[in-house]
Amino acid sequence: MKSELEQLLEKIARCQICAEHLPFEPKPVVQASTQAKILIAGQAPGMKVQQTGIPFNDPSGDRLRLWLGVSHEQFYDPDLFAIVPMGFCYPGKGKSGDLPPRPECAKTWREPLLSLLPNIELTLVIGQYALQYHLAAKQTVTEQVRAWQQCIPAYLPLPHPSPRNNRWLRRHPWFEQEVIPYLQQRIDQLIN
């Protein structure tokens, strides 16, 4: 008999709620297990993820794994990491990057899914849409990430690991000097 989480993930895989607004056939990308201790709450899959169906299977994922200090195998182990973006499908291209995650996704699936992840001890909150949802953030991403110590140990706000943020990382060296060492130590404590 399938668990409640397995049943929900099957429903999510068949989701067509925002099909009319997407540039491609819906292909929800999510990774979850009731054993996961770390939740990665990102924005929405990019084009490469849409094509492969593998979360963070792109340069953003390479950087995120580097920030976390984990291997490819560890990252894709659902018993370690739940990967639940704000939108499960690629939203399409906008003027300056990908469009925002479709709001229907979080409204429909987020609470039911998160309620089935009882062992989450750390939520990595990546980007403005996840920050608004998980931390009710009214500040900019930079302000929220700078205030990271106010959110720990349950949450850790992060900028998006996209190469599009290289300039942001150069302008804010404190992030890699202060936040990343803490992040790596916390991840190591949780998975080892």
N, C-alpha and C. Protein backbone atom coordinates (compact mmCIF):
# COMPACT_ATOMS: atom_id res chain seq x y z
N MET A 1 0.84 -1.19 0.00
CA MET A 1 0.00 0.00 0.00
C MET A 1 0.88 1.25 0.00
N LYS A 2 0.53 2.22 -0.82
CA LYS A 2 1.33 3.44 -0.94
C LYS A 2 1.08 4.36 0.25
N SER A 3 2.15 5.04 0.63
CA SER A 3 2.05 6.00 1.73
C SER A 3 1.28 7.24 1.25
N GLU A 4 0.87 8.05 2.21
CA GLU A 4 0.17 9.29 1.88
C GLU A 4 1.06 10.20 1.03
N LEU A 5 2.35 10.24 1.34
CA LEU A 5 3.28 11.06 0.56
C LEU A 5 3.39 10.53 -0.86
N GLU A 6 3.53 9.22 -1.02
CA GLU A 6 3.63 8.64 -2.37
C GLU A 6 2.37 8.96 -3.19
N GLN A 7 1.22 8.86 -2.57
CA GLN A 7 -0.04 9.18 -3.26
C GLN A 7 -0.08 10.65 -3.68
N LEU A 8 0.36 11.53 -2.78
CA LEU A 8 0.36 12.96 -3.11
C LEU A 8 1.35 13.26 -4.23
N LEU A 9 2.52 12.66 -4.19
CA LEU A 9 3.51 12.89 -5.25
C LEU A 9 2.99 12.41 -6.60
N GLU A 10 2.22 11.33 -6.61
CA GLU A 10 1.61 10.86 -7.86
C GLU A 10 0.58 11.86 -8.37
N LYS A 11 -0.21 12.44 -7.49
CA LYS A 11 -1.18 13.48 -7.89
C LYS A 11 -0.45 14.69 -8.46
N ILE A 12 0.63 15.10 -7.79
CA ILE A 12 1.41 16.25 -8.26
C ILE A 12 1.98 15.95 -9.66
N ALA A 13 2.45 14.74 -9.88
CA ALA A 13 3.03 14.37 -11.17
C ALA A 13 2.01 14.48 -12.31
N ARG A 14 0.72 14.34 -11.98
CA ARG A 14 -0.35 14.43 -12.99
C ARG A 14 -0.97 15.82 -13.07
N CYS A 15 -0.48 16.76 -12.29
CA CYS A 15 -1.10 18.09 -12.18
C CYS A 15 -1.16 18.81 -13.53
N GLN A 16 -2.30 19.42 -13.78
CA GLN A 16 -2.52 20.21 -15.00
C GLN A 16 -3.09 21.59 -14.67
N ILE A 17 -3.06 21.98 -13.40
CA ILE A 17 -3.72 23.20 -12.93
C ILE A 17 -3.38 24.44 -13.75
N CYS A 18 -2.12 24.63 -14.06
CA CYS A 18 -1.74 25.86 -14.77
C CYS A 18 -1.27 25.57 -16.20
N ALA A 19 -1.67 24.44 -16.76
CA ALA A 19 -1.23 24.03 -18.09
C ALA A 19 -1.42 25.12 -19.15
N GLU A 20 -2.54 25.82 -19.07
CA GLU A 20 -2.83 26.83 -20.09
C GLU A 20 -1.89 28.03 -20.04
N HIS A 21 -1.17 28.18 -18.92
CA HIS A 21 -0.26 29.32 -18.75
C HIS A 21 1.19 28.96 -18.99
N LEU A 22 1.48 27.69 -19.21
CA LEU A 22 2.86 27.24 -19.35
C LEU A 22 3.26 27.12 -20.82
N PRO A 23 4.56 27.31 -21.11
CA PRO A 23 5.01 27.20 -22.50
C PRO A 23 5.14 25.76 -22.98
N PHE A 24 5.17 24.80 -22.05
CA PHE A 24 5.30 23.39 -22.38
C PHE A 24 4.29 22.59 -21.58
N GLU A 25 4.13 21.34 -21.93
CA GLU A 25 3.30 20.42 -21.15
C GLU A 25 3.79 20.41 -19.70
N PRO A 26 2.90 20.47 -18.72
CA PRO A 26 3.35 20.43 -17.32
C PRO A 26 4.19 19.19 -17.04
N LYS A 27 5.28 19.43 -16.32
CA LYS A 27 6.19 18.34 -15.95
C LYS A 27 6.71 18.67 -14.54
N PRO A 28 5.85 18.48 -13.52
CA PRO A 28 6.23 18.85 -12.16
C PRO A 28 7.52 18.16 -11.71
N VAL A 29 8.41 18.96 -11.13
CA VAL A 29 9.69 18.46 -10.64
C VAL A 29 9.76 18.72 -9.14
N VAL A 30 9.77 17.63 -8.38
CA VAL A 30 9.82 17.71 -6.93
C VAL A 30 10.49 16.44 -6.42
N GLN A 31 11.17 16.55 -5.29
CA GLN A 31 11.84 15.40 -4.67
C GLN A 31 11.50 15.44 -3.19
N ALA A 32 10.97 14.34 -2.64
CA ALA A 32 10.60 14.37 -1.22
C ALA A 32 10.55 12.97 -0.63
N SER A 33 10.85 12.91 0.66
CA SER A 33 10.74 11.69 1.45
C SER A 33 10.39 12.12 2.87
N THR A 34 9.67 11.29 3.57
CA THR A 34 9.33 11.61 4.96
C THR A 34 10.58 11.62 5.84
N GLN A 35 11.67 11.04 5.37
CA GLN A 35 12.91 10.99 6.15
C GLN A 35 13.77 12.25 6.02
N ALA A 36 13.52 13.06 5.00
CA ALA A 36 14.36 14.23 4.71
C ALA A 36 14.43 15.17 5.91
N LYS A 37 15.65 15.66 6.17
CA LYS A 37 15.85 16.62 7.25
C LYS A 37 16.06 18.04 6.73
N ILE A 38 16.33 18.14 5.42
CA ILE A 38 16.62 19.44 4.81
C ILE A 38 15.64 19.68 3.67
N LEU A 39 15.00 20.83 3.70
CA LEU A 39 14.09 21.24 2.64
C LEU A 39 14.74 22.34 1.84
N ILE A 40 14.80 22.16 0.54
CA ILE A 40 15.28 23.21 -0.36
C ILE A 40 14.04 23.82 -1.00
N ALA A 41 13.75 25.05 -0.60
CA ALA A 41 12.58 25.77 -1.12
C ALA A 41 13.08 26.80 -2.11
N GLY A 42 13.03 26.44 -3.38
CA GLY A 42 13.51 27.32 -4.43
C GLY A 42 12.38 28.03 -5.15
N GLN A 43 12.66 28.50 -6.35
CA GLN A 43 11.71 29.28 -7.13
C GLN A 43 10.86 28.36 -8.01
N ALA A 44 11.41 27.98 -9.17
CA ALA A 44 10.75 27.10 -10.13
C ALA A 44 11.83 26.51 -11.02
N PRO A 45 11.56 25.36 -11.61
CA PRO A 45 12.57 24.74 -12.48
C PRO A 45 12.91 25.64 -13.68
N GLY A 46 14.16 25.56 -14.11
CA GLY A 46 14.59 26.26 -15.32
C GLY A 46 14.37 25.35 -16.53
N MET A 47 14.78 25.84 -17.68
CA MET A 47 14.56 25.13 -18.94
C MET A 47 15.26 23.76 -18.96
N LYS A 48 16.51 23.69 -18.48
CA LYS A 48 17.23 22.41 -18.50
C LYS A 48 16.54 21.40 -17.58
N VAL A 49 16.05 21.87 -16.44
CA VAL A 49 15.34 21.00 -15.52
C VAL A 49 14.03 20.54 -16.16
N GLN A 50 13.36 21.42 -16.88
CA GLN A 50 12.13 21.06 -17.60
C GLN A 50 12.42 19.91 -18.57
N GLN A 51 13.56 19.99 -19.24
CA GLN A 51 13.90 18.97 -20.23
C GLN A 51 14.29 17.64 -19.60
N THR A 52 14.98 17.68 -18.45
CA THR A 52 15.50 16.45 -17.86
C THR A 52 14.61 15.88 -16.75
N GLY A 53 13.82 16.74 -16.12
CA GLY A 53 13.00 16.31 -14.99
C GLY A 53 13.79 16.10 -13.71
N ILE A 54 15.03 16.58 -13.69
CA ILE A 54 15.90 16.44 -12.51
C ILE A 54 16.09 17.82 -11.88
N PRO A 55 15.72 17.99 -10.60
CA PRO A 55 15.83 19.31 -9.98
C PRO A 55 17.27 19.79 -9.88
N PHE A 56 17.46 21.07 -10.11
CA PHE A 56 18.78 21.71 -10.03
C PHE A 56 19.82 20.99 -10.87
N ASN A 57 19.41 20.48 -12.02
CA ASN A 57 20.30 19.80 -12.95
C ASN A 57 20.83 20.84 -13.96
N ASP A 58 21.54 21.83 -13.43
CA ASP A 58 22.01 22.95 -14.24
C ASP A 58 23.12 23.66 -13.47
N PRO A 59 23.69 24.74 -14.02
CA PRO A 59 24.75 25.45 -13.31
C PRO A 59 24.32 25.96 -11.93
N SER A 60 23.05 26.31 -11.76
CA SER A 60 22.57 26.72 -10.44
C SER A 60 22.72 25.58 -9.44
N GLY A 61 22.40 24.39 -9.87
CA GLY A 61 22.53 23.23 -9.01
C GLY A 61 23.98 22.92 -8.67
N ASP A 62 24.86 23.11 -9.66
CA ASP A 62 26.29 22.88 -9.39
C ASP A 62 26.76 23.81 -8.28
N ARG A 63 26.38 25.09 -8.39
CA ARG A 63 26.79 26.05 -7.36
C ARG A 63 26.12 25.73 -6.02
N LEU A 64 24.86 25.37 -6.03
CA LEU A 64 24.16 25.06 -4.79
C LEU A 64 24.82 23.87 -4.08
N ARG A 65 25.16 22.83 -4.81
CA ARG A 65 25.84 21.68 -4.21
C ARG A 65 27.20 22.08 -3.63
N LEU A 66 27.89 22.99 -4.32
CA LEU A 66 29.16 23.51 -3.81
C LEU A 66 28.93 24.27 -2.50
N TRP A 67 27.92 25.13 -2.48
CA TRP A 67 27.59 25.87 -1.25
C TRP A 67 27.28 24.91 -0.10
N LEU A 68 26.56 23.85 -0.40
CA LEU A 68 26.15 22.90 0.63
C LEU A 68 27.30 21.98 1.06
N GLY A 69 28.28 21.82 0.19
CA GLY A 69 29.38 20.91 0.48
C GLY A 69 28.96 19.45 0.39
N VAL A 70 28.07 19.14 -0.57
CA VAL A 70 27.58 17.77 -0.70
C VAL A 70 27.86 17.23 -2.10
N SER A 71 27.87 15.92 -2.19
CA SER A 71 28.07 15.27 -3.48
C SER A 71 26.76 15.25 -4.27
N HIS A 72 26.88 14.92 -5.52
CA HIS A 72 25.73 14.75 -6.40
C HIS A 72 24.79 13.69 -5.82
N GLU A 73 25.37 12.59 -5.38
CA GLU A 73 24.58 11.48 -4.83
C GLU A 73 23.84 11.90 -3.57
N GLN A 74 24.51 12.62 -2.68
CA GLN A 74 23.85 13.09 -1.46
C GLN A 74 22.70 14.03 -1.78
N PHE A 75 22.95 14.95 -2.69
CA PHE A 75 21.94 15.96 -3.04
C PHE A 75 20.67 15.32 -3.59
N TYR A 76 20.83 14.26 -4.38
CA TYR A 76 19.67 13.63 -5.00
C TYR A 76 19.13 12.45 -4.18
N ASP A 77 19.52 12.37 -2.93
CA ASP A 77 18.96 11.36 -2.03
C ASP A 77 17.76 11.99 -1.33
N PRO A 78 16.54 11.59 -1.67
CA PRO A 78 15.36 12.21 -1.07
C PRO A 78 15.26 11.99 0.44
N ASP A 79 15.97 10.99 0.96
CA ASP A 79 15.98 10.80 2.41
C ASP A 79 16.83 11.85 3.12
N LEU A 80 17.65 12.57 2.37
CA LEU A 80 18.46 13.66 2.92
C LEU A 80 17.84 15.02 2.58
N PHE A 81 17.52 15.22 1.30
CA PHE A 81 17.05 16.51 0.82
C PHE A 81 15.68 16.40 0.16
N ALA A 82 14.73 17.18 0.66
CA ALA A 82 13.48 17.38 -0.06
C ALA A 82 13.68 18.64 -0.90
N ILE A 83 13.35 18.55 -2.18
CA ILE A 83 13.49 19.70 -3.08
C ILE A 83 12.08 20.06 -3.55
N VAL A 84 11.57 21.15 -2.99
CA VAL A 84 10.18 21.54 -3.23
C VAL A 84 10.14 23.02 -3.62
N PRO A 85 10.23 23.31 -4.91
CA PRO A 85 10.20 24.71 -5.34
C PRO A 85 8.81 25.32 -5.17
N MET A 86 8.75 26.63 -5.28
CA MET A 86 7.46 27.34 -5.17
C MET A 86 6.55 26.99 -6.34
N GLY A 87 7.12 26.75 -7.49
CA GLY A 87 6.38 26.27 -8.65
C GLY A 87 7.08 25.01 -9.14
N PHE A 88 6.32 23.99 -9.46
CA PHE A 88 6.92 22.71 -9.83
C PHE A 88 7.26 22.58 -11.31
N CYS A 89 6.76 23.50 -12.13
CA CYS A 89 6.98 23.43 -13.58
C CYS A 89 7.68 24.68 -14.08
N TYR A 90 8.39 24.54 -15.19
CA TYR A 90 9.06 25.67 -15.81
C TYR A 90 8.01 26.69 -16.24
N PRO A 91 8.10 27.95 -15.75
CA PRO A 91 7.08 28.94 -16.03
C PRO A 91 7.22 29.66 -17.37
N GLY A 92 8.37 29.54 -18.01
CA GLY A 92 8.60 30.24 -19.27
C GLY A 92 9.59 31.37 -19.09
N LYS A 93 9.95 31.97 -20.21
CA LYS A 93 10.96 33.01 -20.25
C LYS A 93 10.32 34.39 -20.18
N GLY A 94 10.94 35.27 -19.40
CA GLY A 94 10.51 36.66 -19.32
C GLY A 94 11.55 37.57 -19.94
N LYS A 95 11.40 38.87 -19.73
CA LYS A 95 12.32 39.84 -20.32
C LYS A 95 13.74 39.73 -19.75
N SER A 96 13.84 39.46 -18.45
CA SER A 96 15.18 39.42 -17.82
C SER A 96 15.41 38.11 -17.10
N GLY A 97 15.02 37.01 -17.70
CA GLY A 97 15.19 35.71 -17.07
C GLY A 97 13.88 34.94 -17.10
N ASP A 98 13.81 33.88 -16.32
CA ASP A 98 12.58 33.08 -16.28
C ASP A 98 11.47 33.84 -15.58
N LEU A 99 10.23 33.52 -15.96
CA LEU A 99 9.07 34.12 -15.32
C LEU A 99 8.97 33.63 -13.87
N PRO A 100 8.19 34.33 -13.04
CA PRO A 100 7.99 33.87 -11.66
C PRO A 100 7.26 32.53 -11.64
N PRO A 101 7.39 31.80 -10.53
CA PRO A 101 6.64 30.54 -10.41
C PRO A 101 5.14 30.82 -10.49
N ARG A 102 4.40 29.91 -11.09
CA ARG A 102 2.95 30.05 -11.15
C ARG A 102 2.38 29.98 -9.73
N PRO A 103 1.53 30.92 -9.33
CA PRO A 103 1.01 30.94 -7.95
C PRO A 103 0.07 29.79 -7.63
N GLU A 104 -0.57 29.20 -8.64
CA GLU A 104 -1.51 28.10 -8.40
C GLU A 104 -0.82 26.92 -7.74
N CYS A 105 0.43 26.73 -8.06
CA CYS A 105 1.16 25.56 -7.57
C CYS A 105 1.28 25.59 -6.05
N ALA A 106 1.81 26.68 -5.51
CA ALA A 106 1.98 26.78 -4.06
C ALA A 106 0.63 26.75 -3.35
N LYS A 107 -0.36 27.44 -3.92
CA LYS A 107 -1.68 27.47 -3.28
C LYS A 107 -2.30 26.08 -3.20
N THR A 108 -2.05 25.26 -4.18
CA THR A 108 -2.66 23.93 -4.24
C THR A 108 -1.87 22.87 -3.49
N TRP A 109 -0.56 22.86 -3.67
CA TRP A 109 0.24 21.72 -3.23
C TRP A 109 1.15 21.94 -2.03
N ARG A 110 1.54 23.18 -1.76
CA ARG A 110 2.61 23.41 -0.79
C ARG A 110 2.27 22.91 0.62
N GLU A 111 1.18 23.36 1.17
CA GLU A 111 0.84 22.95 2.54
C GLU A 111 0.61 21.44 2.66
N PRO A 112 -0.18 20.83 1.77
CA PRO A 112 -0.35 19.38 1.89
C PRO A 112 0.98 18.62 1.81
N LEU A 113 1.87 19.06 0.94
CA LEU A 113 3.16 18.37 0.80
C LEU A 113 4.05 18.60 2.01
N LEU A 114 4.19 19.84 2.45
CA LEU A 114 5.05 20.12 3.60
C LEU A 114 4.56 19.45 4.87
N SER A 115 3.25 19.29 4.98
CA SER A 115 2.70 18.64 6.18
C SER A 115 3.10 17.16 6.27
N LEU A 116 3.54 16.59 5.15
CA LEU A 116 3.95 15.18 5.12
C LEU A 116 5.47 15.01 5.24
N LEU A 117 6.16 16.10 5.58
CA LEU A 117 7.62 16.07 5.75
C LEU A 117 7.94 16.41 7.21
N PRO A 118 7.70 15.48 8.13
CA PRO A 118 7.78 15.76 9.56
C PRO A 118 9.19 15.92 10.13
N ASN A 119 10.20 15.51 9.39
CA ASN A 119 11.56 15.51 9.94
C ASN A 119 12.43 16.67 9.49
N ILE A 120 11.83 17.64 8.79
CA ILE A 120 12.61 18.79 8.30
C ILE A 120 13.12 19.59 9.50
N GLU A 121 14.45 19.77 9.53
CA GLU A 121 15.08 20.56 10.59
C GLU A 121 15.65 21.87 10.06
N LEU A 122 15.88 21.92 8.74
CA LEU A 122 16.44 23.12 8.13
C LEU A 122 15.77 23.34 6.78
N THR A 123 15.26 24.55 6.59
CA THR A 123 14.70 24.94 5.29
C THR A 123 15.60 26.00 4.67
N LEU A 124 16.15 25.67 3.50
CA LEU A 124 16.96 26.62 2.73
C LEU A 124 16.00 27.39 1.85
N VAL A 125 15.87 28.68 2.10
CA VAL A 125 14.87 29.51 1.44
C VAL A 125 15.59 30.32 0.36
N ILE A 126 15.36 29.94 -0.90
CA ILE A 126 16.12 30.48 -2.01
C ILE A 126 15.28 31.42 -2.87
N GLY A 127 15.64 32.70 -2.87
CA GLY A 127 15.00 33.67 -3.74
C GLY A 127 13.75 34.30 -3.15
N GLN A 128 13.30 35.37 -3.81
CA GLN A 128 12.25 36.22 -3.25
C GLN A 128 10.90 35.54 -3.06
N TYR A 129 10.48 34.67 -3.95
CA TYR A 129 9.15 34.04 -3.81
C TYR A 129 9.13 33.07 -2.64
N ALA A 130 10.20 32.32 -2.48
CA ALA A 130 10.29 31.41 -1.34
C ALA A 130 10.44 32.20 -0.04
N LEU A 131 11.19 33.30 -0.07
CA LEU A 131 11.34 34.14 1.12
C LEU A 131 10.00 34.72 1.55
N GLN A 132 9.22 35.18 0.59
CA GLN A 132 7.91 35.74 0.92
C GLN A 132 7.00 34.68 1.53
N TYR A 133 7.05 33.47 1.00
CA TYR A 133 6.18 32.41 1.48
C TYR A 133 6.62 31.89 2.86
N HIS A 134 7.88 31.52 2.98
CA HIS A 134 8.35 30.86 4.20
C HIS A 134 8.67 31.80 5.34
N LEU A 135 9.12 33.01 5.02
CA LEU A 135 9.54 33.94 6.07
C LEU A 135 8.70 35.22 6.07
N ALA A 136 7.65 35.26 5.26
CA ALA A 136 6.83 36.46 5.13
C ALA A 136 7.71 37.69 4.95
N ALA A 137 8.77 37.53 4.15
CA ALA A 137 9.77 38.58 3.97
C ALA A 137 9.19 39.78 3.25
N LYS A 138 9.42 40.92 3.83
CA LYS A 138 9.04 42.19 3.20
C LYS A 138 10.29 42.93 2.72
N GLN A 139 11.45 42.41 3.11
CA GLN A 139 12.72 43.01 2.75
C GLN A 139 13.18 42.51 1.38
N THR A 140 14.23 43.13 0.87
CA THR A 140 14.84 42.63 -0.37
C THR A 140 15.55 41.31 -0.06
N VAL A 141 15.88 40.58 -1.10
CA VAL A 141 16.62 39.33 -0.91
C VAL A 141 17.93 39.63 -0.19
N THR A 142 18.63 40.68 -0.60
CA THR A 142 19.90 41.03 0.03
C THR A 142 19.72 41.31 1.52
N GLU A 143 18.71 42.11 1.87
CA GLU A 143 18.47 42.41 3.29
C GLU A 143 18.13 41.16 4.08
N GLN A 144 17.32 40.29 3.50
CA GLN A 144 16.92 39.08 4.19
C GLN A 144 18.11 38.13 4.38
N VAL A 145 18.94 37.99 3.32
CA VAL A 145 20.11 37.11 3.43
C VAL A 145 21.11 37.70 4.44
N ARG A 146 21.25 39.02 4.45
CA ARG A 146 22.16 39.66 5.40
C ARG A 146 21.72 39.40 6.85
N ALA A 147 20.41 39.26 7.05
CA ALA A 147 19.85 39.01 8.39
C ALA A 147 19.72 37.51 8.68
N TRP A 148 20.51 36.69 8.04
CA TRP A 148 20.39 35.23 8.12
C TRP A 148 20.44 34.71 9.54
N GLN A 149 21.22 35.34 10.42
CA GLN A 149 21.36 34.83 11.79
C GLN A 149 20.06 34.93 12.58
N GLN A 150 19.14 35.79 12.14
CA GLN A 150 17.84 35.91 12.81
C GLN A 150 16.92 34.75 12.45
N CYS A 151 17.26 34.00 11.43
CA CYS A 151 16.40 32.92 10.94
C CYS A 151 16.84 31.53 11.39
N ILE A 152 18.10 31.38 11.75
CA ILE A 152 18.61 30.06 12.10
C ILE A 152 18.12 29.65 13.49
N PRO A 153 18.03 28.38 13.79
CA PRO A 153 18.52 27.23 13.03
C PRO A 153 17.50 26.62 12.08
N ALA A 154 16.23 27.04 12.11
CA ALA A 154 15.20 26.38 11.29
C ALA A 154 15.24 26.80 9.83
N TYR A 155 15.62 28.03 9.55
CA TYR A 155 15.61 28.56 8.19
C TYR A 155 16.95 29.20 7.88
N LEU A 156 17.30 29.21 6.60
CA LEU A 156 18.47 29.94 6.15
C LEU A 156 18.15 30.55 4.79
N PRO A 157 17.99 31.88 4.74
CA PRO A 157 17.72 32.54 3.46
C PRO A 157 18.98 32.58 2.60
N LEU A 158 18.80 32.30 1.31
CA LEU A 158 19.92 32.29 0.37
C LEU A 158 19.54 33.05 -0.89
N PRO A 159 20.54 33.66 -1.55
CA PRO A 159 20.28 34.20 -2.88
C PRO A 159 20.17 33.02 -3.84
N HIS A 160 19.65 33.28 -5.01
CA HIS A 160 19.58 32.19 -5.99
C HIS A 160 21.00 31.87 -6.44
N PRO A 161 21.35 30.58 -6.56
CA PRO A 161 22.71 30.21 -6.97
C PRO A 161 22.97 30.33 -8.47
N SER A 162 22.08 30.93 -9.19
CA SER A 162 22.22 31.09 -10.64
C SER A 162 23.47 31.87 -11.02
N PRO A 163 24.10 31.52 -12.15
CA PRO A 163 25.21 32.33 -12.65
C PRO A 163 24.79 33.78 -12.91
N ARG A 164 23.50 34.03 -13.06
CA ARG A 164 23.01 35.40 -13.23
C ARG A 164 23.30 36.24 -11.98
N ASN A 165 23.59 35.58 -10.86
CA ASN A 165 23.87 36.30 -9.62
C ASN A 165 25.36 36.44 -9.33
N ASN A 166 26.21 36.19 -10.31
CA ASN A 166 27.66 36.34 -10.10
C ASN A 166 28.00 37.74 -9.62
N ARG A 167 27.37 38.73 -10.21
CA ARG A 167 27.63 40.12 -9.82
C ARG A 167 27.23 40.36 -8.37
N TRP A 168 26.07 39.82 -7.97
CA TRP A 168 25.61 39.96 -6.59
C TRP A 168 26.65 39.34 -5.63
N LEU A 169 27.14 38.17 -5.97
CA LEU A 169 28.12 37.50 -5.12
C LEU A 169 29.42 38.29 -5.01
N ARG A 170 29.85 38.90 -6.11
CA ARG A 170 31.06 39.73 -6.07
C ARG A 170 30.85 40.97 -5.19
N ARG A 171 29.65 41.54 -5.23
CA ARG A 171 29.36 42.75 -4.46
C ARG A 171 29.08 42.46 -2.98
N HIS A 172 28.84 41.20 -2.65
CA HIS A 172 28.52 40.83 -1.27
C HIS A 172 29.42 39.67 -0.81
N PRO A 173 30.73 39.92 -0.70
CA PRO A 173 31.66 38.84 -0.34
C PRO A 173 31.38 38.24 1.04
N TRP A 174 30.70 38.97 1.91
CA TRP A 174 30.35 38.46 3.24
C TRP A 174 29.52 37.19 3.14
N PHE A 175 28.76 37.04 2.05
CA PHE A 175 27.91 35.86 1.93
C PHE A 175 28.76 34.58 1.92
N GLU A 176 29.76 34.54 1.05
CA GLU A 176 30.60 33.34 0.98
C GLU A 176 31.57 33.24 2.15
N GLN A 177 31.88 34.37 2.80
CA GLN A 177 32.79 34.34 3.95
C GLN A 177 32.09 33.94 5.24
N GLU A 178 30.82 34.33 5.41
CA GLU A 178 30.11 34.11 6.67
C GLU A 178 29.03 33.02 6.57
N VAL A 179 28.20 33.12 5.54
CA VAL A 179 27.03 32.25 5.45
C VAL A 179 27.41 30.83 5.01
N ILE A 180 28.24 30.72 3.98
CA ILE A 180 28.57 29.41 3.44
C ILE A 180 29.26 28.50 4.47
N PRO A 181 30.23 28.99 5.25
CA PRO A 181 30.82 28.09 6.26
C PRO A 181 29.77 27.59 7.27
N TYR A 182 28.88 28.47 7.70
CA TYR A 182 27.81 28.03 8.61
C TYR A 182 26.93 26.98 7.92
N LEU A 183 26.54 27.27 6.68
CA LEU A 183 25.67 26.37 5.92
C LEU A 183 26.32 24.98 5.81
N GLN A 184 27.56 24.92 5.42
CA GLN A 184 28.24 23.64 5.25
C GLN A 184 28.33 22.87 6.56
N GLN A 185 28.62 23.58 7.65
CA GLN A 185 28.69 22.92 8.96
C GLN A 185 27.33 22.38 9.37
N ARG A 186 26.29 23.15 9.14
CA ARG A 186 24.92 22.72 9.52
C ARG A 186 24.48 21.53 8.68
N ILE A 187 24.76 21.56 7.39
CA ILE A 187 24.40 20.44 6.51
C ILE A 187 25.13 19.19 6.96
N ASP A 188 26.41 19.32 7.25
CA ASP A 188 27.20 18.17 7.70
C ASP A 188 26.61 17.57 8.97
N GLN A 189 26.19 18.42 9.91
CA GLN A 189 25.57 17.92 11.15
C GLN A 189 24.30 17.14 10.86
N LEU A 190 23.51 17.60 9.90
CA LEU A 190 22.23 16.99 9.63
C LEU A 190 22.31 15.70 8.82
N ILE A 191 23.31 15.57 7.97
CA ILE A 191 23.33 14.37 7.11
C ILE A 191 24.34 13.34 7.54
N ASN A 192 25.21 13.66 8.48
CA ASN A 192 26.23 12.69 8.91
C ASN A 192 26.02 12.28 10.36
